[in-house]
Amino acid sequence: MTQRRLDFARELARQAGALLLERFEARRFAKASSAATEFKGRRELVTAVDREIETLLVTAIRERFEHDAILAEEGVASPRGVADRAAEFLWILDPIDGTTNFVHGHPSFSISIGIVRSGEVAAGGGMGPAPGGPASGEGLLGGPPLGAYCNDHKLSVSTTTAVRNAVVATGFSYGRNEKGADTNVERFTAALMEARGIRRCGSAALDLAFVAAGIYDAYWEKDLAPYDVAAATALVLGAGGSIDVLETGKSPLWDRQVLASNGRIGSELRALFDAL
């Protein structure tokens, strides 16, 4: 990993975050029309702002690192949901992780910029720009060999050693009504009855960042895309946490599922779920 990519990811997140905050305030206070909001599925939304931010990110990366590959969610300036080429470095981008929150005026959303090197998560950056939210104005950067930082303050995972003393988080698939879908209800109920508390934020990137910061002790979810988790799994690892999966043999980056923890309660939580 080169320092210039890290520095660039940090500056790019700040630049995109400032624009995203401006658009959020305009929608919230001017009660912007929902005409700029579209459905990608029964519940999944995309806005003109998603596309604007993604265009900014992709254009800037291509100008600075022309030989790197890009995988971005919306497919505005690159193929949708697939890498545009094979390369040593792959930038994985989510212009707004938590678009539903953004649309409804809820401040839990973020920009997610992950960097994968030779197939392995190397670093992640992001910005939670909304005022008054749990990640208000927080710039995030980190990776396995780098540590993890929020606005230059070093992050570390919690020291909780038992699920009964833990605050955990999860999310639910947009496709939960589809035949044969994993609704996550059984896992949610099991964790609810065992843990001290359970949260549902609506942004996988922020949930993972909160594990890195020691706010949550663990987080799990299924039906996630690489751009939901690439950047923030790097933060968890950089902060001393662990990244696992809900099903043996799966990959947290490519197989649409993740179980992140402080490295102390992950095995207990996994055993709780395996017993269902």
C-alpha atoms as a PDB file:
ATOM      1  CA  MET A   1       0.000   0.000   0.000  1.00  0.00           C
ATOM      2  CA  THR A   2       1.436   3.354  -0.969  1.00  0.00           C
ATOM      3  CA  GLN A   3       1.144   6.389   1.275  1.00  0.00           C
ATOM      4  CA  ARG A   4      -0.095   8.506  -1.591  1.00  0.00           C
ATOM      5  CA  ARG A   5      -3.151   6.276  -2.026  1.00  0.00           C
ATOM      6  CA  LEU A   6      -3.934   6.591   1.658  1.00  0.00           C
ATOM      7  CA  ASP A   7      -3.511  10.353   1.630  1.00  0.00           C
ATOM      8  CA  PHE A   8      -5.635  10.585  -1.490  1.00  0.00           C
ATOM      9  CA  ALA A   9      -8.395   8.413   0.001  1.00  0.00           C
ATOM     10  CA  ARG A  10      -8.497  10.637   3.079  1.00  0.00           C
ATOM     11  CA  GLU A  11      -8.718  13.853   1.071  1.00  0.00           C
ATOM     12  CA  LEU A  12     -11.247  12.375  -1.357  1.00  0.00           C
ATOM     13  CA  ALA A  13     -13.496  11.283   1.523  1.00  0.00           C
ATOM     14  CA  ARG A  14     -13.374  14.776   2.995  1.00  0.00           C
ATOM     15  CA  GLN A  15     -14.174  16.421  -0.320  1.00  0.00           C
ATOM     16  CA  ALA A  16     -17.047  14.063  -1.080  1.00  0.00           C
ATOM     17  CA  GLY A  17     -18.277  14.312   2.513  1.00  0.00           C
ATOM     18  CA  ALA A  18     -18.570  18.097   2.306  1.00  0.00           C
ATOM     19  CA  LEU A  19     -20.634  17.798  -0.860  1.00  0.00           C
ATOM     20  CA  LEU A  20     -22.813  15.057   0.626  1.00  0.00           C
ATOM     21  CA  LEU A  21     -23.513  17.129   3.734  1.00  0.00           C
ATOM     22  CA  GLU A  22     -24.484  20.091   1.559  1.00  0.00           C
ATOM     23  CA  ARG A  23     -26.921  17.930  -0.394  1.00  0.00           C
ATOM     24  CA  PHE A  24     -28.315  16.381   2.807  1.00  0.00           C
ATOM     25  CA  GLU A  25     -29.051  19.771   4.351  1.00  0.00           C
ATOM     26  CA  ALA A  26     -30.687  20.959   1.127  1.00  0.00           C
ATOM     27  CA  ARG A  27     -32.995  17.950   1.032  1.00  0.00           C
ATOM     28  CA  ARG A  28     -33.773  18.076   4.738  1.00  0.00           C
ATOM     29  CA  PHE A  29     -34.490  21.779   5.195  1.00  0.00           C
ATOM     30  CA  ALA A  30     -35.926  22.552   1.763  1.00  0.00           C
ATOM     31  CA  LYS A  31     -37.994  19.352   1.849  1.00  0.00           C
ATOM     32  CA  ALA A  32     -36.621  18.392  -1.540  1.00  0.00           C
ATOM     33  CA  SER A  33     -38.942  16.547  -3.874  1.00  0.00           C
ATOM     34  CA  SER A  34     -38.774  12.759  -3.860  1.00  0.00           C
ATOM     35  CA  ALA A  35     -38.754  12.892  -7.670  1.00  0.00           C
ATOM     36  CA  ALA A  36     -34.965  12.526  -7.595  1.00  0.00           C
ATOM     37  CA  THR A  37     -35.328   9.223  -5.703  1.00  0.00           C
ATOM     38  CA  GLU A  38     -35.726   5.935  -7.554  1.00  0.00           C
ATOM     39  CA  PHE A  39     -36.230   2.307  -6.566  1.00  0.00           C
ATOM     40  CA  LYS A  40     -33.648  -0.346  -7.453  1.00  0.00           C
ATOM     41  CA  GLY A  41     -35.855  -2.993  -5.865  1.00  0.00           C
ATOM     42  CA  ARG A  42     -38.883  -3.261  -3.608  1.00  0.00           C
ATOM     43  CA  ARG A  43     -37.154  -1.205  -0.876  1.00  0.00           C
ATOM     44  CA  GLU A  44     -33.682  -0.273  -2.121  1.00  0.00           C
ATOM     45  CA  LEU A  45     -33.345   3.367  -3.120  1.00  0.00           C
ATOM     46  CA  VAL A  46     -30.955   5.374  -5.259  1.00  0.00           C
ATOM     47  CA  THR A  47     -30.841   9.152  -5.574  1.00  0.00           C
ATOM     48  CA  ALA A  48     -29.304  11.706  -7.878  1.00  0.00           C
ATOM     49  CA  VAL A  49     -26.913  12.455  -5.019  1.00  0.00           C
ATOM     50  CA  ASP A  50     -25.649   8.831  -5.002  1.00  0.00           C
ATOM     51  CA  ARG A  51     -24.801   9.273  -8.673  1.00  0.00           C
ATOM     52  CA  GLU A  52     -23.243  12.699  -8.166  1.00  0.00           C
ATOM     53  CA  ILE A  53     -20.954  11.493  -5.373  1.00  0.00           C
ATOM     54  CA  GLU A  54     -19.995   8.335  -7.251  1.00  0.00           C
ATOM     55  CA  THR A  55     -19.093  10.358 -10.344  1.00  0.00           C
ATOM     56  CA  LEU A  56     -16.871  12.586  -8.205  1.00  0.00           C
ATOM     57  CA  LEU A  57     -15.118   9.571  -6.628  1.00  0.00           C
ATOM     58  CA  VAL A  58     -14.598   7.586  -9.824  1.00  0.00           C
ATOM     59  CA  THR A  59     -13.438  10.568 -11.872  1.00  0.00           C
ATOM     60  CA  ALA A  60     -10.907  11.623  -9.246  1.00  0.00           C
ATOM     61  CA  ILE A  61      -9.464   8.113  -8.813  1.00  0.00           C
ATOM     62  CA  ARG A  62      -9.141   7.574 -12.559  1.00  0.00           C
ATOM     63  CA  GLU A  63      -7.308  10.863 -12.953  1.00  0.00           C
ATOM     64  CA  ARG A  64      -4.840  10.125 -10.146  1.00  0.00           C
ATOM     65  CA  PHE A  65      -4.398   6.343 -10.484  1.00  0.00           C
ATOM     66  CA  GLU A  66      -5.260   5.515 -14.067  1.00  0.00           C
ATOM     67  CA  HIS A  67      -4.098   1.908 -13.903  1.00  0.00           C
ATOM     68  CA  ASP A  68      -6.051   0.987 -10.748  1.00  0.00           C
ATOM     69  CA  ALA A  69      -9.387  -0.826 -11.001  1.00  0.00           C
ATOM     70  CA  ILE A  70     -12.712   0.471  -9.690  1.00  0.00           C
ATOM     71  CA  LEU A  71     -15.792  -1.341  -8.413  1.00  0.00           C
ATOM     72  CA  ALA A  72     -18.634   1.069  -7.629  1.00  0.00           C
ATOM     73  CA  GLU A  73     -22.232   0.487  -6.638  1.00  0.00           C
ATOM     74  CA  GLU A  74     -24.307   2.610  -8.979  1.00  0.00           C
ATOM     75  CA  GLY A  75     -22.527   2.162 -12.320  1.00  0.00           C
ATOM     76  CA  VAL A  76     -22.548   5.860 -13.176  1.00  0.00           C
ATOM     77  CA  ALA A  77     -18.966   6.255 -14.361  1.00  0.00           C
ATOM     78  CA  SER A  78     -17.920   2.598 -14.236  1.00  0.00           C
ATOM     79  CA  PRO A  79     -19.671  -0.764 -14.748  1.00  0.00           C
ATOM     80  CA  ARG A  80     -22.304  -1.294 -12.070  1.00  0.00           C
ATOM     81  CA  GLY A  81     -21.243  -3.675  -9.307  1.00  0.00           C
ATOM     82  CA  VAL A  82     -18.215  -5.168 -11.088  1.00  0.00           C
ATOM     83  CA  ALA A  83     -14.578  -4.173 -11.410  1.00  0.00           C
ATOM     84  CA  ASP A  84     -13.832  -2.235 -14.573  1.00  0.00           C
ATOM     85  CA  ARG A  85     -10.524  -4.049 -15.141  1.00  0.00           C
ATOM     86  CA  ALA A  86      -8.015  -6.406 -13.556  1.00  0.00           C
ATOM     87  CA  ALA A  87      -5.339  -4.621 -11.553  1.00  0.00           C
ATOM     88  CA  GLU A  88      -3.194  -4.941  -8.439  1.00  0.00           C
ATOM     89  CA  PHE A  89      -5.191  -2.218  -6.671  1.00  0.00           C
ATOM     90  CA  LEU A  90      -8.988  -2.190  -6.650  1.00  0.00           C
ATOM     91  CA  TRP A  91     -10.971   0.745  -5.253  1.00  0.00           C
ATOM     92  CA  ILE A  92     -14.384  -0.365  -3.944  1.00  0.00           C
ATOM     93  CA  LEU A  93     -16.816   2.541  -3.590  1.00  0.00           C
ATOM     94  CA  ASP A  94     -20.187   3.204  -2.020  1.00  0.00           C
ATOM     95  CA  PRO A  95     -21.170   6.861  -2.568  1.00  0.00           C
ATOM     96  CA  ILE A  96     -23.868   6.738   0.135  1.00  0.00           C
ATOM     97  CA  ASP A  97     -24.002   3.744   2.436  1.00  0.00           C
ATOM     98  CA  GLY A  98     -27.377   4.227   4.097  1.00  0.00           C
ATOM     99  CA  THR A  99     -29.299   5.842   1.241  1.00  0.00           C
ATOM    100  CA  THR A 100     -32.656   5.118   2.901  1.00  0.00           C
ATOM    101  CA  ASN A 101     -31.520   7.073   5.961  1.00  0.00           C
ATOM    102  CA  PHE A 102     -30.299   9.896   3.721  1.00  0.00           C
ATOM    103  CA  VAL A 103     -33.635  10.083   1.913  1.00  0.00           C
ATOM    104  CA  HIS A 104     -35.631  10.159   5.144  1.00  0.00           C
ATOM    105  CA  GLY A 105     -33.442  12.765   6.843  1.00  0.00           C
ATOM    106  CA  HIS A 106     -31.808  10.319   9.268  1.00  0.00           C
ATOM    107  CA  PRO A 107     -28.129  11.226   9.858  1.00  0.00           C
ATOM    108  CA  SER A 108     -26.702   7.682   9.870  1.00  0.00           C
ATOM    109  CA  PHE A 109     -25.136   7.406   6.425  1.00  0.00           C
ATOM    110  CA  SER A 110     -21.601   7.543   5.105  1.00  0.00           C
ATOM    111  CA  ILE A 111     -19.235   7.510   2.160  1.00  0.00           C
ATOM    112  CA  SER A 112     -17.201   4.315   1.890  1.00  0.00           C
ATOM    113  CA  ILE A 113     -13.881   4.010   0.035  1.00  0.00           C
ATOM    114  CA  GLY A 114     -12.153   0.635   0.241  1.00  0.00           C
ATOM    115  CA  ILE A 115      -8.798  -0.315  -1.264  1.00  0.00           C
ATOM    116  CA  VAL A 116      -8.105  -3.964  -2.048  1.00  0.00           C
ATOM    117  CA  ARG A 117      -4.618  -5.115  -3.042  1.00  0.00           C
ATOM    118  CA  SER A 118      -4.186  -8.432  -4.844  1.00  0.00           C
ATOM    119  CA  GLY A 119      -7.578  -9.599  -3.590  1.00  0.00           C
ATOM    120  CA  GLU A 120      -7.038  -8.713   0.073  1.00  0.00           C
ATOM    121  CA  VAL A 121      -8.542  -5.766   1.939  1.00  0.00           C
ATOM    122  CA  ALA A 122      -5.669  -3.330   2.483  1.00  0.00           C
ATOM    123  CA  ALA A 123      -7.189  -0.059   3.649  1.00  0.00           C
ATOM    124  CA  GLY A 124     -10.411   1.845   3.965  1.00  0.00           C
ATOM    125  CA  GLY A 125     -11.467   5.442   4.245  1.00  0.00           C
ATOM    126  CA  GLY A 126     -14.785   7.138   4.687  1.00  0.00           C
ATOM    127  CA  MET A 127     -16.744  10.032   6.036  1.00  0.00           C
ATOM    128  CA  GLY A 128     -19.863  10.242   8.191  1.00  0.00           C
ATOM    129  CA  PRO A 129     -20.747  13.865   7.435  1.00  0.00           C
ATOM    130  CA  ALA A 130     -24.215  14.450   8.891  1.00  0.00           C
ATOM    131  CA  PRO A 131     -24.599  16.898  11.784  1.00  0.00           C
ATOM    132  CA  GLY A 132     -25.899  15.548  15.064  1.00  0.00           C
ATOM    133  CA  GLY A 133     -25.446  11.962  13.997  1.00  0.00           C
ATOM    134  CA  PRO A 134     -23.389   9.294  15.709  1.00  0.00           C
ATOM    135  CA  ALA A 135     -20.571   9.806  13.202  1.00  0.00           C
ATOM    136  CA  SER A 136     -20.939  13.577  12.942  1.00  0.00           C
ATOM    137  CA  GLY A 137     -18.158  14.985  10.801  1.00  0.00           C
ATOM    138  CA  GLU A 138     -16.031  11.896  11.326  1.00  0.00           C
ATOM    139  CA  GLY A 139     -13.298  11.112   8.830  1.00  0.00           C
ATOM    140  CA  LEU A 140     -12.202   7.483   8.996  1.00  0.00           C
ATOM    141  CA  LEU A 141      -9.035   5.814   7.737  1.00  0.00           C
ATOM    142  CA  GLY A 142      -7.265   2.573   8.498  1.00  0.00           C
ATOM    143  CA  GLY A 143      -6.228  -0.930   7.599  1.00  0.00           C
ATOM    144  CA  PRO A 144      -4.660  -4.127   8.976  1.00  0.00           C
ATOM    145  CA  PRO A 145      -1.041  -2.877   9.074  1.00  0.00           C
ATOM    146  CA  LEU A 146      -1.907   0.765   9.650  1.00  0.00           C
ATOM    147  CA  GLY A 147      -4.135   0.977  12.687  1.00  0.00           C
ATOM    148  CA  ALA A 148      -7.479   2.771  12.501  1.00  0.00           C
ATOM    149  CA  TYR A 149      -8.178   6.449  13.016  1.00  0.00           C
ATOM    150  CA  CYS A 150     -11.107   8.839  13.312  1.00  0.00           C
ATOM    151  CA  ASN A 151     -10.122  12.445  12.670  1.00  0.00           C
ATOM    152  CA  ASP A 152      -6.531  11.461  13.556  1.00  0.00           C
ATOM    153  CA  HIS A 153      -7.572   9.874  16.863  1.00  0.00           C
ATOM    154  CA  LYS A 154      -6.536   6.239  17.119  1.00  0.00           C
ATOM    155  CA  LEU A 155      -9.379   3.726  17.373  1.00  0.00           C
ATOM    156  CA  SER A 156      -9.399   0.422  19.215  1.00  0.00           C
ATOM    157  CA  VAL A 157     -12.041  -2.237  19.679  1.00  0.00           C
ATOM    158  CA  SER A 158     -13.761  -2.856  22.998  1.00  0.00           C
ATOM    159  CA  THR A 159     -12.540  -5.217  25.706  1.00  0.00           C
ATOM    160  CA  THR A 160     -15.923  -6.876  26.351  1.00  0.00           C
ATOM    161  CA  THR A 161     -15.475 -10.615  26.866  1.00  0.00           C
ATOM    162  CA  ALA A 162     -19.040 -11.981  26.980  1.00  0.00           C
ATOM    163  CA  VAL A 163     -22.114 -11.489  24.804  1.00  0.00           C
ATOM    164  CA  ARG A 164     -24.262 -10.863  27.891  1.00  0.00           C
ATOM    165  CA  ASN A 165     -22.266  -7.664  28.479  1.00  0.00           C
ATOM    166  CA  ALA A 166     -22.171  -6.624  24.833  1.00  0.00           C
ATOM    167  CA  VAL A 167     -23.959  -4.122  22.629  1.00  0.00           C
ATOM    168  CA  VAL A 168     -24.259  -5.648  19.169  1.00  0.00           C
ATOM    169  CA  ALA A 169     -25.707  -4.504  15.852  1.00  0.00           C
ATOM    170  CA  THR A 170     -27.181  -6.007  12.719  1.00  0.00           C
ATOM    171  CA  GLY A 171     -29.205  -5.232   9.605  1.00  0.00           C
ATOM    172  CA  PHE A 172     -31.865  -6.774   7.400  1.00  0.00           C
ATOM    173  CA  SER A 173     -31.857  -7.545   3.689  1.00  0.00           C
ATOM    174  CA  TYR A 174     -33.883  -5.478   1.241  1.00  0.00           C
ATOM    175  CA  GLY A 175     -34.910  -8.818  -0.284  1.00  0.00           C
ATOM    176  CA  ARG A 176     -36.299 -10.305   2.922  1.00  0.00           C
ATOM    177  CA  ASN A 177     -39.710 -10.919   1.331  1.00  0.00           C
ATOM    178  CA  GLU A 178     -38.289 -13.052  -1.453  1.00  0.00           C
ATOM    179  CA  LYS A 179     -38.941 -16.780  -1.372  1.00  0.00           C
ATOM    180  CA  GLY A 180     -36.257 -18.610   0.595  1.00  0.00           C
ATOM    181  CA  ALA A 181     -34.647 -15.398   1.853  1.00  0.00           C
ATOM    182  CA  ASP A 182     -32.683 -15.398   5.094  1.00  0.00           C
ATOM    183  CA  THR A 183     -34.689 -12.884   7.157  1.00  0.00           C
ATOM    184  CA  ASN A 184     -32.158 -12.727  10.031  1.00  0.00           C
ATOM    185  CA  VAL A 185     -35.067 -12.775  12.472  1.00  0.00           C
ATOM    186  CA  GLU A 186     -33.875 -15.871  14.356  1.00  0.00           C
ATOM    187  CA  ARG A 187     -30.376 -14.480  14.852  1.00  0.00           C
ATOM    188  CA  PHE A 188     -31.797 -11.113  15.876  1.00  0.00           C
ATOM    189  CA  THR A 189     -34.074 -12.729  18.462  1.00  0.00           C
ATOM    190  CA  ALA A 190     -31.283 -14.896  19.874  1.00  0.00           C
ATOM    191  CA  ALA A 191     -28.932 -11.922  20.214  1.00  0.00           C
ATOM    192  CA  LEU A 192     -31.699  -9.723  21.630  1.00  0.00           C
ATOM    193  CA  MET A 193     -32.346 -12.202  24.424  1.00  0.00           C
ATOM    194  CA  GLU A 194     -28.657 -12.727  25.234  1.00  0.00           C
ATOM    195  CA  ALA A 195     -26.876  -9.392  24.719  1.00  0.00           C
ATOM    196  CA  ARG A 196     -27.034  -6.255  26.835  1.00  0.00           C
ATOM    197  CA  GLY A 197     -28.362  -4.294  23.874  1.00  0.00           C
ATOM    198  CA  ILE A 198     -28.930  -4.531  20.131  1.00  0.00           C
ATOM    199  CA  ARG A 199     -28.951  -1.773  17.521  1.00  0.00           C
ATOM    200  CA  ARG A 200     -29.997  -1.401  13.902  1.00  0.00           C
ATOM    201  CA  CYS A 201     -28.348   1.649  12.291  1.00  0.00           C
ATOM    202  CA  GLY A 202     -29.062   1.194   8.584  1.00  0.00           C
ATOM    203  CA  SER A 203     -25.487   1.681   7.342  1.00  0.00           C
ATOM    204  CA  ALA A 204     -23.219  -1.358   7.293  1.00  0.00           C
ATOM    205  CA  ALA A 205     -20.156   0.849   6.890  1.00  0.00           C
ATOM    206  CA  LEU A 206     -21.003   2.842  10.031  1.00  0.00           C
ATOM    207  CA  ASP A 207     -21.925  -0.273  12.003  1.00  0.00           C
ATOM    208  CA  LEU A 208     -18.512  -1.746  11.219  1.00  0.00           C
ATOM    209  CA  ALA A 209     -16.816   1.559  12.027  1.00  0.00           C
ATOM    210  CA  PHE A 210     -18.567   1.518  15.401  1.00  0.00           C
ATOM    211  CA  VAL A 211     -17.064  -1.915  16.080  1.00  0.00           C
ATOM    212  CA  ALA A 212     -13.654  -0.473  15.240  1.00  0.00           C
ATOM    213  CA  ALA A 213     -14.308   2.418  17.631  1.00  0.00           C
ATOM    214  CA  GLY A 214     -15.411   0.155  20.490  1.00  0.00           C
ATOM    215  CA  ILE A 215     -18.979   1.518  20.425  1.00  0.00           C
ATOM    216  CA  TYR A 216     -20.378  -1.836  19.343  1.00  0.00           C
ATOM    217  CA  ASP A 217     -18.814  -5.088  20.466  1.00  0.00           C
ATOM    218  CA  ALA A 218     -19.956  -6.975  17.362  1.00  0.00           C
ATOM    219  CA  TYR A 219     -21.967  -6.624  14.157  1.00  0.00           C
ATOM    220  CA  TRP A 220     -23.329  -9.172  11.702  1.00  0.00           C
ATOM    221  CA  GLU A 221     -25.392  -9.065   8.525  1.00  0.00           C
ATOM    222  CA  LYS A 222     -26.090 -11.028   5.348  1.00  0.00           C
ATOM    223  CA  ASP A 223     -26.830  -9.974   1.754  1.00  0.00           C
ATOM    224  CA  LEU A 224     -24.106  -7.335   1.766  1.00  0.00           C
ATOM    225  CA  ALA A 225     -22.143  -6.267  -1.293  1.00  0.00           C
ATOM    226  CA  PRO A 226     -18.366  -5.643  -1.347  1.00  0.00           C
ATOM    227  CA  TYR A 227     -18.908  -1.884  -1.416  1.00  0.00           C
ATOM    228  CA  ASP A 228     -20.908  -2.143   1.839  1.00  0.00           C
ATOM    229  CA  VAL A 229     -18.039  -3.699   3.782  1.00  0.00           C
ATOM    230  CA  ALA A 230     -14.654  -3.291   2.051  1.00  0.00           C
ATOM    231  CA  ALA A 231     -13.593  -0.029   3.674  1.00  0.00           C
ATOM    232  CA  ALA A 232     -14.962  -0.649   7.146  1.00  0.00           C
ATOM    233  CA  THR A 233     -13.654  -4.206   7.511  1.00  0.00           C
ATOM    234  CA  ALA A 234     -10.219  -2.657   7.049  1.00  0.00           C
ATOM    235  CA  LEU A 235     -11.022  -0.310   9.931  1.00  0.00           C
ATOM    236  CA  VAL A 236     -12.074  -3.196  12.194  1.00  0.00           C
ATOM    237  CA  LEU A 237      -8.879  -5.095  11.461  1.00  0.00           C
ATOM    238  CA  GLY A 238      -6.789  -1.963  11.920  1.00  0.00           C
ATOM    239  CA  ALA A 239      -8.420  -1.372  15.310  1.00  0.00           C
ATOM    240  CA  GLY A 240      -7.535  -4.877  16.516  1.00  0.00           C
ATOM    241  CA  GLY A 241     -10.855  -6.567  15.813  1.00  0.00           C
ATOM    242  CA  SER A 242     -11.782  -9.737  13.949  1.00  0.00           C
ATOM    243  CA  ILE A 243     -13.676 -10.333  10.724  1.00  0.00           C
ATOM    244  CA  ASP A 244     -15.474 -13.663  10.383  1.00  0.00           C
ATOM    245  CA  VAL A 245     -18.480 -15.019   8.505  1.00  0.00           C
ATOM    246  CA  LEU A 246     -21.829 -16.554   9.378  1.00  0.00           C
ATOM    247  CA  GLU A 247     -21.280 -19.636   7.225  1.00  0.00           C
ATOM    248  CA  THR A 248     -18.094 -21.699   7.082  1.00  0.00           C
ATOM    249  CA  GLY A 249     -16.062 -21.344   3.914  1.00  0.00           C
ATOM    250  CA  LYS A 250     -17.488 -17.998   2.917  1.00  0.00           C
ATOM    251  CA  SER A 251     -15.655 -14.734   2.330  1.00  0.00           C
ATOM    252  CA  PRO A 252     -16.755 -11.581   4.177  1.00  0.00           C
ATOM    253  CA  LEU A 253     -15.835  -9.442   1.174  1.00  0.00           C
ATOM    254  CA  TRP A 254     -17.182 -11.451  -1.743  1.00  0.00           C
ATOM    255  CA  ASP A 255     -19.869 -13.776  -0.310  1.00  0.00           C
ATOM    256  CA  ARG A 256     -22.330 -11.192   0.991  1.00  0.00           C
ATOM    257  CA  GLN A 257     -22.003 -11.746   4.737  1.00  0.00           C
ATOM    258  CA  VAL A 258     -19.935 -10.598   7.652  1.00  0.00           C
ATOM    259  CA  LEU A 259     -19.526 -11.167  11.382  1.00  0.00           C
ATOM    260  CA  ALA A 260     -17.272  -8.498  12.884  1.00  0.00           C
ATOM    261  CA  SER A 261     -16.288  -8.370  16.544  1.00  0.00           C
ATOM    262  CA  ASN A 262     -13.742  -7.120  19.018  1.00  0.00           C
ATOM    263  CA  GLY A 263     -12.032 -10.507  18.717  1.00  0.00           C
ATOM    264  CA  ARG A 264     -13.286 -11.557  22.148  1.00  0.00           C
ATOM    265  CA  ILE A 265     -16.992 -12.299  21.699  1.00  0.00           C
ATOM    266  CA  GLY A 266     -17.111 -13.320  18.030  1.00  0.00           C
ATOM    267  CA  SER A 267     -16.809 -17.043  18.678  1.00  0.00           C
ATOM    268  CA  GLU A 268     -19.525 -16.971  21.338  1.00  0.00           C
ATOM    269  CA  LEU A 269     -21.866 -15.054  19.052  1.00  0.00           C
ATOM    270  CA  ARG A 270     -21.137 -17.421  16.163  1.00  0.00           C
ATOM    271  CA  ALA A 271     -21.863 -20.421  18.418  1.00  0.00           C
ATOM    272  CA  LEU A 272     -25.156 -18.815  19.450  1.00  0.00           C
ATOM    273  CA  PHE A 273     -26.159 -18.498  15.805  1.00  0.00           C
ATOM    274  CA  ASP A 274     -24.909 -21.968  14.834  1.00  0.00           C
ATOM    275  CA  ALA A 275     -27.182 -23.482  17.511  1.00  0.00           C
ATOM    276  CA  LEU A 276     -30.335 -22.091  15.870  1.00  0.00           C
END
